[in-house]
PDB file of N, CA and C in Angstrom:
ATOM      1  N   MET A   1     112.562  58.228 171.374  1.00  0.00           N
ATOM      2  CA  MET A   1     113.040  58.542 172.707  1.00  0.00           C
ATOM      3  C   MET A   1     114.563  58.401 172.726  1.00  0.00           C
ATOM      4  N   ASN A   2     115.240  59.330 173.358  1.00  0.00           N
ATOM      5  CA  ASN A   2     116.688  59.350 173.424  1.00  0.00           C
ATOM      6  C   ASN A   2     117.154  58.680 174.710  1.00  0.00           C
ATOM      7  N   ASN A   3     117.840  57.543 174.580  1.00  0.00           N
ATOM      8  CA  ASN A   3     118.313  56.789 175.744  1.00  0.00           C
ATOM      9  C   ASN A   3     119.812  56.936 175.957  1.00  0.00           C
ATOM     10  N   LYS A   4     120.402  58.017 175.474  1.00  0.00           N
ATOM     11  CA  LYS A   4     121.846  58.210 175.631  1.00  0.00           C
ATOM     12  C   LYS A   4     122.179  58.456 177.093  1.00  0.00           C
ATOM     13  N   LYS A   5     123.265  57.831 177.517  1.00  0.00           N
ATOM     14  CA  LYS A   5     123.706  57.971 178.898  1.00  0.00           C
ATOM     15  C   LYS A   5     125.035  58.735 178.898  1.00  0.00           C
ATOM     16  N   THR A   6     125.147  59.712 179.763  1.00  0.00           N
ATOM     17  CA  THR A   6     126.387  60.470 179.878  1.00  0.00           C
ATOM     18  C   THR A   6     127.378  59.674 180.713  1.00  0.00           C
ATOM     19  N   VAL A   7     128.600  59.572 180.172  1.00  0.00           N
ATOM     20  CA  VAL A   7     129.658  58.845 180.866  1.00  0.00           C
ATOM     21  C   VAL A   7     130.863  59.765 180.976  1.00  0.00           C
ATOM     22  N   LEU A   8     131.443  59.840 182.161  1.00  0.00           N
ATOM     23  CA  LEU A   8     132.639  60.644 182.359  1.00  0.00           C
ATOM     24  C   LEU A   8     133.803  60.032 181.581  1.00  0.00           C
ATOM     25  N   LEU A   9     134.677  60.887 181.096  1.00  0.00           N
ATOM     26  CA  LEU A   9     135.840  60.410 180.343  1.00  0.00           C
ATOM     27  C   LEU A   9     136.672  59.434 181.174  1.00  0.00           C
ATOM     28  N   SER A  10     136.829  59.728 182.447  1.00  0.00           N
ATOM     29  CA  SER A  10     137.622  58.846 183.310  1.00  0.00           C
ATOM     30  C   SER A  10     137.000  57.454 183.400  1.00  0.00           C
ATOM     31  N   GLN A  11     135.668  57.389 183.406  1.00  0.00           N
ATOM     32  CA  GLN A  11     134.998  56.084 183.433  1.00  0.00           C
ATOM     33  C   GLN A  11     135.102  55.391 182.082  1.00  0.00           C
ATOM     34  N   TRP A  12     134.917  56.153 181.025  1.00  0.00           N
ATOM     35  CA  TRP A  12     134.981  55.598 179.671  1.00  0.00           C
ATOM     36  C   TRP A  12     136.362  55.031 179.372  1.00  0.00           C
ATOM     37  N   SER A  13     137.404  55.729 179.822  1.00  0.00           N
ATOM     38  CA  SER A  13     138.764  55.301 179.514  1.00  0.00           C
ATOM     39  C   SER A  13     139.204  54.083 180.326  1.00  0.00           C
ATOM     40  N   GLU A  14     138.420  53.695 181.331  1.00  0.00           N
ATOM     41  CA  GLU A  14     138.760  52.517 182.130  1.00  0.00           C
ATOM     42  C   GLU A  14     138.765  51.245 181.292  1.00  0.00           C
ATOM     43  N   GLN A  15     138.059  51.256 180.175  1.00  0.00           N
ATOM     44  CA  GLN A  15     137.992  50.075 179.325  1.00  0.00           C
ATOM     45  C   GLN A  15     139.274  49.846 178.525  1.00  0.00           C
ATOM     46  N   PHE A  16     140.166  50.841 178.490  1.00  0.00           N
ATOM     47  CA  PHE A  16     141.391  50.721 177.707  1.00  0.00           C
ATOM     48  C   PHE A  16     142.500  50.053 178.502  1.00  0.00           C
ATOM     49  N   THR A  17     143.354  49.353 177.792  1.00  0.00           N
ATOM     50  CA  THR A  17     144.523  48.737 178.414  1.00  0.00           C
ATOM     51  C   THR A  17     145.560  49.823 178.676  1.00  0.00           C
ATOM     52  N   PRO A  18     146.537  49.556 179.535  1.00  0.00           N
ATOM     53  CA  PRO A  18     147.610  50.543 179.753  1.00  0.00           C
ATOM     54  C   PRO A  18     148.325  50.917 178.451  1.00  0.00           C
ATOM     55  N   ALA A  19     148.527  49.963 177.578  1.00  0.00           N
ATOM     56  CA  ALA A  19     149.187  50.248 176.298  1.00  0.00           C
ATOM     57  C   ALA A  19     148.339  51.190 175.438  1.00  0.00           C
ATOM     58  N   GLU A  20     147.035  50.972 175.437  1.00  0.00           N
ATOM     59  CA  GLU A  20     146.140  51.843 174.663  1.00  0.00           C
ATOM     60  C   GLU A  20     146.113  53.253 175.257  1.00  0.00           C
ATOM     61  N   LYS A  21     146.166  53.341 176.589  1.00  0.00           N
ATOM     62  CA  LYS A  21     146.189  54.647 177.240  1.00  0.00           C
ATOM     63  C   LYS A  21     147.478  55.396 176.907  1.00  0.00           C
ATOM     64  N   ARG A  22     148.623  54.685 176.885  1.00  0.00           N
ATOM     65  CA  ARG A  22     149.896  55.318 176.514  1.00  0.00           C
ATOM     66  C   ARG A  22     149.842  55.826 175.075  1.00  0.00           C
ATOM     67  N   LYS A  23     149.267  55.026 174.197  1.00  0.00           N
ATOM     68  CA  LYS A  23     149.153  55.412 172.787  1.00  0.00           C
ATOM     69  C   LYS A  23     148.273  56.656 172.647  1.00  0.00           C
ATOM     70  N   ALA A  24     147.193  56.717 173.393  1.00  0.00           N
ATOM     71  CA  ALA A  24     146.302  57.876 173.340  1.00  0.00           C
ATOM     72  C   ALA A  24     146.991  59.124 173.880  1.00  0.00           C
ATOM     73  N   ARG A  25     147.739  58.994 174.981  1.00  0.00           N
ATOM     74  CA  ARG A  25     148.473  60.142 175.524  1.00  0.00           C
ATOM     75  C   ARG A  25     149.518  60.633 174.528  1.00  0.00           C
ATOM     76  N   LYS A  26     150.200  59.690 173.874  1.00  0.00           N
ATOM     77  CA  LYS A  26     151.218  60.043 172.881  1.00  0.00           C
ATOM     78  C   LYS A  26     150.585  60.809 171.718  1.00  0.00           C
ATOM     79  N   ALA A  27     149.445  60.340 171.244  1.00  0.00           N
ATOM     80  CA  ALA A  27     148.744  61.019 170.147  1.00  0.00           C
ATOM     81  C   ALA A  27     148.311  62.412 170.585  1.00  0.00           C
ATOM     82  N   ASN A  28     147.814  62.525 171.794  1.00  0.00           N
ATOM     83  CA  ASN A  28     147.392  63.825 172.312  1.00  0.00           C
ATOM     84  C   ASN A  28     148.570  64.789 172.395  1.00  0.00           C
ATOM     85  N   ASP A  29     149.711  64.310 172.868  1.00  0.00           N
ATOM     86  CA  ASP A  29     150.911  65.140 172.961  1.00  0.00           C
ATOM     87  C   ASP A  29     151.368  65.582 171.572  1.00  0.00           C
ATOM     88  N   TYR A  30     151.296  64.678 170.599  1.00  0.00           N
ATOM     89  CA  TYR A  30     151.692  64.999 169.227  1.00  0.00           C
ATOM     90  C   TYR A  30     150.814  66.128 168.685  1.00  0.00           C
ATOM     91  N   TYR A  31     149.506  65.996 168.862  1.00  0.00           N
ATOM     92  CA  TYR A  31     148.606  67.013 168.325  1.00  0.00           C
ATOM     93  C   TYR A  31     148.728  68.335 169.072  1.00  0.00           C
ATOM     94  N   ALA A  32     149.165  68.308 170.314  1.00  0.00           N
ATOM     95  CA  ALA A  32     149.404  69.552 171.041  1.00  0.00           C
ATOM     96  C   ALA A  32     150.566  70.312 170.407  1.00  0.00           C
ATOM     97  N   VAL A  33     151.589  69.596 169.972  1.00  0.00           N
ATOM     98  CA  VAL A  33     152.726  70.218 169.286  1.00  0.00           C
ATOM     99  C   VAL A  33     152.271  70.790 167.946  1.00  0.00           C
ATOM    100  N   VAL A  34     151.499  70.003 167.206  1.00  0.00           N
ATOM    101  CA  VAL A  34     150.980  70.457 165.910  1.00  0.00           C
ATOM    102  C   VAL A  34     150.131  71.713 166.089  1.00  0.00           C
ATOM    103  N   GLU A  35     149.289  71.707 167.104  1.00  0.00           N
ATOM    104  CA  GLU A  35     148.420  72.858 167.369  1.00  0.00           C
ATOM    105  C   GLU A  35     149.248  74.099 167.693  1.00  0.00           C
ATOM    106  N   GLU A  36     150.292  73.941 168.489  1.00  0.00           N
ATOM    107  CA  GLU A  36     151.157  75.070 168.840  1.00  0.00           C
ATOM    108  C   GLU A  36     151.871  75.609 167.603  1.00  0.00           C
ATOM    109  N   PHE A  37     152.321  74.705 166.744  1.00  0.00           N
ATOM    110  CA  PHE A  37     152.985  75.089 165.494  1.00  0.00           C
ATOM    111  C   PHE A  37     152.040  75.940 164.637  1.00  0.00           C
ATOM    112  N   GLN A  38     150.831  75.449 164.443  1.00  0.00           N
ATOM    113  CA  GLN A  38     149.849  76.149 163.620  1.00  0.00           C
ATOM    114  C   GLN A  38     149.442  77.482 164.256  1.00  0.00           C
ATOM    115  N   LYS A  39     149.248  77.495 165.566  1.00  0.00           N
ATOM    116  CA  LYS A  39     148.866  78.706 166.283  1.00  0.00           C
ATOM    117  C   LYS A  39     149.935  79.785 166.125  1.00  0.00           C
ATOM    118  N   THR A  40     151.194  79.398 166.260  1.00  0.00           N
ATOM    119  CA  THR A  40     152.293  80.357 166.128  1.00  0.00           C
ATOM    120  C   THR A  40     152.356  80.921 164.716  1.00  0.00           C
ATOM    121  N   ARG A  41     152.213  80.065 163.728  1.00  0.00           N
ATOM    122  CA  ARG A  41     152.229  80.522 162.333  1.00  0.00           C
ATOM    123  C   ARG A  41     151.123  81.551 162.110  1.00  0.00           C
ATOM    124  N   LYS A  42     149.931  81.243 162.591  1.00  0.00           N
ATOM    125  CA  LYS A  42     148.796  82.147 162.390  1.00  0.00           C
ATOM    126  C   LYS A  42     148.955  83.445 163.179  1.00  0.00           C
ATOM    127  N   GLU A  43     149.470  83.374 164.407  1.00  0.00           N
ATOM    128  CA  GLU A  43     149.691  84.579 165.209  1.00  0.00           C
ATOM    129  C   GLU A  43     150.661  85.532 164.521  1.00  0.00           C
ATOM    130  N   LEU A  44     151.604  84.976 163.787  1.00  0.00           N
ATOM    131  CA  LEU A  44     152.573  85.791 163.055  1.00  0.00           C
ATOM    132  C   LEU A  44     152.010  86.283 161.726  1.00  0.00           C
ATOM    133  N   GLY A  45     150.780  85.876 161.421  1.00  0.00           N
ATOM    134  CA  GLY A  45     150.130  86.324 160.197  1.00  0.00           C
ATOM    135  C   GLY A  45     150.682  85.687 158.941  1.00  0.00           C
ATOM    136  N   LEU A  46     151.256  84.498 159.075  1.00  0.00           N
ATOM    137  CA  LEU A  46     151.836  83.812 157.924  1.00  0.00           C
ATOM    138  C   LEU A  46     150.894  82.752 157.380  1.00  0.00           C
ATOM    139  N   THR A  47     150.794  82.702 156.071  1.00  0.00           N
ATOM    140  CA  THR A  47     150.075  81.599 155.444  1.00  0.00           C
ATOM    141  C   THR A  47     151.022  80.405 155.392  1.00  0.00           C
ATOM    142  N   GLN A  48     150.469  79.254 155.077  1.00  0.00           N
ATOM    143  CA  GLN A  48     151.329  78.078 154.907  1.00  0.00           C
ATOM    144  C   GLN A  48     152.346  78.329 153.800  1.00  0.00           C
ATOM    145  N   GLN A  49     151.920  78.978 152.738  1.00  0.00           N
ATOM    146  CA  GLN A  49     152.825  79.250 151.616  1.00  0.00           C
ATOM    147  C   GLN A  49     153.957  80.188 152.027  1.00  0.00           C
ATOM    148  N   GLN A  50     153.634  81.216 152.790  1.00  0.00           N
ATOM    149  CA  GLN A  50     154.668  82.154 153.235  1.00  0.00           C
ATOM    150  C   GLN A  50     155.688  81.468 154.134  1.00  0.00           C
ATOM    151  N   LEU A  51     155.208  80.614 155.044  1.00  0.00           N
ATOM    152  CA  LEU A  51     156.135  79.882 155.903  1.00  0.00           C
ATOM    153  C   LEU A  51     156.977  78.913 155.080  1.00  0.00           C
ATOM    154  N   ALA A  52     156.350  78.252 154.137  1.00  0.00           N
ATOM    155  CA  ALA A  52     157.080  77.324 153.270  1.00  0.00           C
ATOM    156  C   ALA A  52     158.184  78.053 152.514  1.00  0.00           C
ATOM    157  N   ASP A  53     157.876  79.226 152.006  1.00  0.00           N
ATOM    158  CA  ASP A  53     158.879  80.015 151.283  1.00  0.00           C
ATOM    159  C   ASP A  53     160.040  80.401 152.195  1.00  0.00           C
ATOM    160  N   LYS A  54     159.718  80.834 153.420  1.00  0.00           N
ATOM    161  CA  LYS A  54     160.765  81.215 154.374  1.00  0.00           C
ATOM    162  C   LYS A  54     161.625  80.023 154.785  1.00  0.00           C
ATOM    163  N   ALA A  55     160.981  78.845 154.892  1.00  0.00           N
ATOM    164  CA  ALA A  55     161.698  77.645 155.338  1.00  0.00           C
ATOM    165  C   ALA A  55     162.376  76.906 154.181  1.00  0.00           C
ATOM    166  N   GLY A  56     162.015  77.269 152.951  1.00  0.00           N
ATOM    167  CA  GLY A  56     162.618  76.617 151.789  1.00  0.00           C
ATOM    168  C   GLY A  56     162.079  75.219 151.544  1.00  0.00           C
ATOM    169  N   ILE A  57     160.797  75.018 151.821  1.00  0.00           N
ATOM    170  CA  ILE A  57     160.184  73.710 151.593  1.00  0.00           C
ATOM    171  C   ILE A  57     158.886  73.900 150.819  1.00  0.00           C
ATOM    172  N   HIS A  58     158.280  72.809 150.419  1.00  0.00           N
ATOM    173  CA  HIS A  58     157.012  72.871 149.697  1.00  0.00           C
ATOM    174  C   HIS A  58     155.870  73.060 150.689  1.00  0.00           C
ATOM    175  N   ARG A  59     154.861  73.838 150.298  1.00  0.00           N
ATOM    176  CA  ARG A  59     153.717  74.123 151.162  1.00  0.00           C
ATOM    177  C   ARG A  59     153.000  72.865 151.632  1.00  0.00           C
ATOM    178  N   THR A  60     152.957  71.840 150.796  1.00  0.00           N
ATOM    179  CA  THR A  60     152.227  70.632 151.181  1.00  0.00           C
ATOM    180  C   THR A  60     152.843  69.943 152.400  1.00  0.00           C
ATOM    181  N   VAL A  61     154.138  70.159 152.629  1.00  0.00           N
ATOM    182  CA  VAL A  61     154.776  69.591 153.821  1.00  0.00           C
ATOM    183  C   VAL A  61     154.140  70.197 155.072  1.00  0.00           C
ATOM    184  N   ILE A  62     153.951  71.502 155.053  1.00  0.00           N
ATOM    185  CA  ILE A  62     153.331  72.176 156.203  1.00  0.00           C
ATOM    186  C   ILE A  62     151.882  71.724 156.357  1.00  0.00           C
ATOM    187  N   THR A  63     151.172  71.608 155.250  1.00  0.00           N
ATOM    188  CA  THR A  63     149.788  71.141 155.307  1.00  0.00           C
ATOM    189  C   THR A  63     149.716  69.762 155.953  1.00  0.00           C
ATOM    190  N   LYS A  64     150.593  68.877 155.544  1.00  0.00           N
ATOM    191  CA  LYS A  64     150.590  67.509 156.087  1.00  0.00           C
ATOM    192  C   LYS A  64     150.942  67.489 157.571  1.00  0.00           C
ATOM    193  N   ILE A  65     151.865  68.341 157.976  1.00  0.00           N
ATOM    194  CA  ILE A  65     152.227  68.415 159.394  1.00  0.00           C
ATOM    195  C   ILE A  65     151.040  68.948 160.207  1.00  0.00           C
ATOM    196  N   GLU A  66     150.414  70.005 159.719  1.00  0.00           N
ATOM    197  CA  GLU A  66     149.307  70.622 160.455  1.00  0.00           C
ATOM    198  C   GLU A  66     148.059  69.752 160.503  1.00  0.00           C
ATOM    199  N   THR A  67     147.905  68.844 159.569  1.00  0.00           N
ATOM    200  CA  THR A  67     146.746  67.949 159.587  1.00  0.00           C
ATOM    201  C   THR A  67     147.070  66.611 160.252  1.00  0.00           C
ATOM    202  N   GLY A  68     148.326  66.410 160.621  1.00  0.00           N
ATOM    203  CA  GLY A  68     148.724  65.164 161.256  1.00  0.00           C
ATOM    204  C   GLY A  68     149.000  64.042 160.273  1.00  0.00           C
ATOM    205  N   ALA A  69     149.032  64.365 158.990  1.00  0.00           N
ATOM    206  CA  ALA A  69     149.277  63.345 157.974  1.00  0.00           C
ATOM    207  C   ALA A  69     150.768  63.031 157.814  1.00  0.00           C
ATOM    208  N   ARG A  70     151.609  63.853 158.421  1.00  0.00           N
ATOM    209  CA  ARG A  70     153.050  63.640 158.317  1.00  0.00           C
ATOM    210  C   ARG A  70     153.691  63.938 159.656  1.00  0.00           C
ATOM    211  N   ASN A  71     154.589  63.072 160.060  1.00  0.00           N
ATOM    212  CA  ASN A  71     155.348  63.271 161.277  1.00  0.00           C
ATOM    213  C   ASN A  71     156.616  64.026 160.898  1.00  0.00           C
ATOM    214  N   THR A  72     156.932  65.059 161.634  1.00  0.00           N
ATOM    215  CA  THR A  72     158.104  65.862 161.301  1.00  0.00           C
ATOM    216  C   THR A  72     159.288  65.476 162.178  1.00  0.00           C
ATOM    217  N   THR A  73     160.461  65.863 161.762  1.00  0.00           N
ATOM    218  CA  THR A  73     161.680  65.553 162.498  1.00  0.00           C
ATOM    219  C   THR A  73     162.071  66.730 163.380  1.00  0.00           C
ATOM    220  N   LEU A  74     162.948  66.463 164.310  1.00  0.00           N
ATOM    221  CA  LEU A  74     163.471  67.523 165.163  1.00  0.00           C
ATOM    222  C   LEU A  74     164.194  68.558 164.309  1.00  0.00           C
ATOM    223  N   ASN A  75     164.935  68.099 163.322  1.00  0.00           N
ATOM    224  CA  ASN A  75     165.643  69.011 162.425  1.00  0.00           C
ATOM    225  C   ASN A  75     164.663  69.940 161.710  1.00  0.00           C
ATOM    226  N   SER A  76     163.540  69.395 161.251  1.00  0.00           N
ATOM    227  CA  SER A  76     162.531  70.213 160.578  1.00  0.00           C
ATOM    228  C   SER A  76     161.916  71.220 161.541  1.00  0.00           C
ATOM    229  N   LEU A  77     161.638  70.801 162.774  1.00  0.00           N
ATOM    230  CA  LEU A  77     161.093  71.730 163.768  1.00  0.00           C
ATOM    231  C   LEU A  77     162.051  72.882 164.022  1.00  0.00           C
ATOM    232  N   MET A  78     163.341  72.574 164.076  1.00  0.00           N
ATOM    233  CA  MET A  78     164.345  73.617 164.272  1.00  0.00           C
ATOM    234  C   MET A  78     164.365  74.575 163.072  1.00  0.00           C
ATOM    235  N   MET A  79     164.223  74.021 161.880  1.00  0.00           N
ATOM    236  CA  MET A  79     164.182  74.826 160.664  1.00  0.00           C
ATOM    237  C   MET A  79     162.946  75.733 160.671  1.00  0.00           C
ATOM    238  N   PHE A  80     161.792  75.193 161.090  1.00  0.00           N
ATOM    239  CA  PHE A  80     160.571  75.985 161.162  1.00  0.00           C
ATOM    240  C   PHE A  80     160.713  77.095 162.204  1.00  0.00           C
ATOM    241  N   ALA A  81     161.291  76.773 163.338  1.00  0.00           N
ATOM    242  CA  ALA A  81     161.487  77.782 164.379  1.00  0.00           C
ATOM    243  C   ALA A  81     162.314  78.942 163.836  1.00  0.00           C
ATOM    244  N   GLU A  82     163.355  78.630 163.120  1.00  0.00           N
ATOM    245  CA  GLU A  82     164.198  79.677 162.531  1.00  0.00           C
ATOM    246  C   GLU A  82     163.391  80.503 161.526  1.00  0.00           C
ATOM    247  N   ALA A  83     162.608  79.849 160.687  1.00  0.00           N
ATOM    248  CA  ALA A  83     161.791  80.551 159.692  1.00  0.00           C
ATOM    249  C   ALA A  83     160.738  81.434 160.359  1.00  0.00           C
ATOM    250  N   LEU A  84     160.290  81.045 161.556  1.00  0.00           N
ATOM    251  CA  LEU A  84     159.302  81.822 162.309  1.00  0.00           C
ATOM    252  C   LEU A  84     159.957  82.867 163.211  1.00  0.00           C
ATOM    253  N   ASP A  85     161.302  82.961 163.145  1.00  0.00           N
ATOM    254  CA  ASP A  85     162.071  83.841 164.028  1.00  0.00           C
ATOM    255  C   ASP A  85     161.799  83.526 165.496  1.00  0.00           C
ATOM    256  N   LYS A  86     161.739  82.226 165.784  1.00  0.00           N
ATOM    257  CA  LYS A  86     161.493  81.735 167.141  1.00  0.00           C
ATOM    258  C   LYS A  86     162.602  80.767 167.525  1.00  0.00           C
ATOM    259  N   LYS A  87     162.656  80.452 168.803  1.00  0.00           N
ATOM    260  CA  LYS A  87     163.545  79.407 169.297  1.00  0.00           C
ATOM    261  C   LYS A  87     162.693  78.196 169.637  1.00  0.00           C
ATOM    262  N   LEU A  88     163.209  77.028 169.345  1.00  0.00           N
ATOM    263  CA  LEU A  88     162.507  75.792 169.684  1.00  0.00           C
ATOM    264  C   LEU A  88     162.928  75.378 171.083  1.00  0.00           C
ATOM    265  N   LYS A  89     161.954  75.154 171.945  1.00  0.00           N
ATOM    266  CA  LYS A  89     162.230  74.724 173.311  1.00  0.00           C
ATOM    267  C   LYS A  89     161.462  73.444 173.563  1.00  0.00           C
ATOM    268  N   ILE A  90     162.159  72.437 173.983  1.00  0.00           N
ATOM    269  CA  ILE A  90     161.526  71.159 174.307  1.00  0.00           C
ATOM    270  C   ILE A  90     161.707  70.942 175.811  1.00  0.00           C
ATOM    271  N   THR A  91     160.611  70.668 176.470  1.00  0.00           N
ATOM    272  CA  THR A  91     160.634  70.454 177.910  1.00  0.00           C
ATOM    273  C   THR A  91     160.084  69.067 178.221  1.00  0.00           C
ATOM    274  N   PHE A  92     160.828  68.323 179.005  1.00  0.00           N
ATOM    275  CA  PHE A  92     160.349  67.023 179.459  1.00  0.00           C
ATOM    276  C   PHE A  92     159.693  67.217 180.817  1.00  0.00           C
ATOM    277  N   LEU A  93     158.449  66.837 180.909  1.00  0.00           N
ATOM    278  CA  LEU A  93     157.704  67.012 182.163  1.00  0.00           C
ATOM    279  C   LEU A  93     157.539  65.699 182.874  1.00  0.00           C
TER     280      LEU A  93
END
């Protein structure tokens, strides 16, 4: 017999401290940037290797960024934007 109970995310997250909630929001924001980076690369029809070649870096750097295994710098994001023929825009909300 399945006794699983459905719990709303808002109720589930009540168990977290304010610090844990800030950390979770920060992680979510980070992965949103990573997702946008990967989405843009794919929309342009570029493989990781092609982007790496255009940016002058090793492909594994892009792999690590897209999987969240590596945190990138603002300078690197600007370099990627240039390689993607895009402008980097950062908005504080």
